[in-house]
Amino acid sequence: MTLKLIENLQKLGFTGNEAKIYSVLVCFKKARASELAENAGVPRPKIYGTLRGMEKKGYVRIIEGEPTLFCCVQPEELIFRIRADFMLSLNETANELNTLSPASNVFSSENFHKLRVQV
């Protein structure tokens, strides 16, 4: 795993520990939490919480059993999902920005002053 890969995964929304774990899982295919902690350099007390969070985000799958194993979502699937989510957000943002007009602009100085007073 390279520093550049970790940085790029972080730009896509991964935390530092998630990026390290995901990179190791791509190499290992399946691994126990202890193996991931050791090879990713993630402190053992943080490994289970990080892995559960990654499961919720759809980065990893948990294979319950004895021992519990973790596997990553395939990189192609992950990149496809990230790209689709980004494009949806980008399109929604563009549409919302295009509907703003000076008359309805919630960011006008007058409205901003009102918001500041309410805060």
Protein backbone atom coordinates (compact mmCIF):
# COMPACT_ATOMS: atom_id res chain seq x y z
CA MET A 1 0.00 0.00 0.00
CA THR A 2 1.36 3.40 -0.94
CA LEU A 3 0.87 6.77 0.69
CA LYS A 4 -0.61 8.06 -2.58
CA LEU A 5 -3.26 5.30 -2.55
CA ILE A 6 -4.18 6.13 1.05
CA GLU A 7 -4.41 9.84 0.18
CA ASN A 8 -6.60 9.13 -2.86
CA LEU A 9 -8.95 6.92 -0.86
CA GLN A 10 -9.23 9.68 1.73
CA LYS A 11 -10.18 12.13 -1.03
CA LEU A 12 -12.99 9.72 -1.87
CA GLY A 13 -14.32 9.81 1.69
CA PHE A 14 -12.36 7.11 3.51
CA THR A 15 -10.79 7.88 6.86
CA GLY A 16 -7.08 7.14 7.18
CA ASN A 17 -7.71 3.87 9.02
CA GLU A 18 -10.43 2.83 6.55
CA ALA A 19 -8.08 3.45 3.63
CA LYS A 20 -5.35 1.33 5.20
CA ILE A 21 -7.72 -1.52 6.03
CA TYR A 22 -9.36 -1.49 2.59
CA SER A 23 -5.94 -1.59 0.88
CA VAL A 24 -4.88 -4.60 2.95
CA LEU A 25 -8.19 -6.35 2.28
CA VAL A 26 -7.77 -5.91 -1.47
CA CYS A 27 -4.50 -7.85 -1.14
CA PHE A 28 -5.74 -10.48 1.32
CA LYS A 29 -9.28 -10.98 -0.06
CA LYS A 30 -10.42 -12.22 3.40
CA ALA A 31 -8.87 -11.61 6.79
CA ARG A 32 -9.46 -11.69 10.53
CA ALA A 33 -9.55 -8.42 12.44
CA SER A 34 -6.24 -9.21 14.14
CA GLU A 35 -4.55 -9.73 10.76
CA LEU A 36 -5.95 -6.46 9.49
CA ALA A 37 -4.83 -4.53 12.56
CA GLU A 38 -1.31 -5.90 12.26
CA ASN A 39 -0.91 -5.46 8.50
CA ALA A 40 -2.73 -2.13 8.16
CA GLY A 41 -1.09 -0.58 11.19
CA VAL A 42 -4.44 0.22 12.78
CA PRO A 43 -4.51 0.05 16.59
CA ARG A 44 -6.36 -3.07 17.78
CA PRO A 45 -8.79 -1.10 19.97
CA LYS A 46 -10.00 0.75 16.84
CA ILE A 47 -10.17 -2.14 14.40
CA TYR A 48 -13.66 -3.51 15.14
CA GLY A 49 -15.34 -0.11 15.27
CA THR A 50 -13.66 0.90 12.03
CA LEU A 51 -14.66 -2.35 10.32
CA ARG A 52 -18.30 -2.02 11.47
CA GLY A 53 -18.34 1.54 10.14
CA MET A 54 -16.88 0.35 6.85
CA GLU A 55 -19.61 -2.26 6.60
CA LYS A 56 -22.28 0.43 7.06
CA LYS A 57 -20.64 2.49 4.30
CA GLY A 58 -20.55 -0.54 2.01
CA TYR A 59 -16.77 -0.85 1.85
CA VAL A 60 -16.51 -4.31 3.45
CA ARG A 61 -18.61 -7.37 4.10
CA ILE A 62 -18.56 -9.29 7.35
CA ILE A 63 -18.58 -13.07 7.24
CA GLU A 64 -19.86 -14.18 10.63
CA GLY A 65 -18.36 -17.38 11.96
CA GLU A 66 -15.51 -18.65 14.03
CA PRO A 67 -13.41 -16.68 13.40
CA THR A 68 -15.25 -13.69 11.95
CA LEU A 69 -13.76 -12.76 8.60
CA PHE A 70 -13.84 -9.52 6.68
CA CYS A 71 -13.69 -9.08 2.92
CA CYS A 72 -13.68 -5.95 0.80
CA VAL A 73 -16.21 -4.93 -1.77
CA GLN A 74 -14.46 -5.39 -5.11
CA PRO A 75 -12.64 -2.22 -6.21
CA GLU A 76 -14.59 -2.05 -9.49
CA GLU A 77 -17.91 -2.15 -7.61
CA LEU A 78 -16.71 0.40 -5.07
CA ILE A 79 -15.46 2.85 -7.72
CA PHE A 80 -18.69 2.45 -9.71
CA ARG A 81 -20.76 3.23 -6.60
CA ILE A 82 -18.61 6.22 -5.61
CA ARG A 83 -18.78 7.59 -9.16
CA ALA A 84 -22.57 7.18 -9.30
CA ASP A 85 -23.05 8.85 -5.90
CA PHE A 86 -20.74 11.71 -6.88
CA MET A 87 -22.49 12.28 -10.20
CA LEU A 88 -25.91 12.30 -8.51
CA SER A 89 -24.71 14.86 -5.95
CA LEU A 90 -23.09 16.93 -8.68
CA ASN A 91 -26.26 16.96 -10.79
CA GLU A 92 -28.47 17.82 -7.82
CA THR A 93 -26.13 20.66 -6.83
CA ALA A 94 -26.05 22.02 -10.39
CA ASN A 95 -29.85 21.94 -10.59
CA GLU A 96 -30.25 23.72 -7.26
CA LEU A 97 -27.68 26.36 -8.18
CA ASN A 98 -29.41 26.94 -11.51
CA THR A 99 -32.75 27.57 -9.78
CA LEU A 100 -31.33 30.33 -7.60
CA SER A 101 -32.26 33.83 -8.67
CA PRO A 102 -31.57 37.21 -7.10
CA ALA A 103 -35.18 37.36 -5.85
CA SER A 104 -35.03 33.93 -4.21
CA ASN A 105 -31.38 33.93 -3.24
CA VAL A 106 -31.18 32.80 0.38
CA PHE A 107 -27.56 33.91 0.36
CA SER A 108 -28.29 37.60 -0.26
CA SER A 109 -26.69 40.00 2.20
CA GLU A 110 -30.10 40.87 3.66
CA ASN A 111 -31.01 37.23 4.29
CA PHE A 112 -27.52 36.47 5.51
CA HIS A 113 -27.80 39.26 8.09
CA LYS A 114 -31.11 37.81 9.27
CA LEU A 115 -29.56 34.36 9.58
CA ARG A 116 -26.63 35.72 11.49
CA VAL A 117 -28.91 37.47 13.95
CA GLN A 118 -30.89 34.27 14.54
CA VAL A 119 -27.81 32.17 15.23
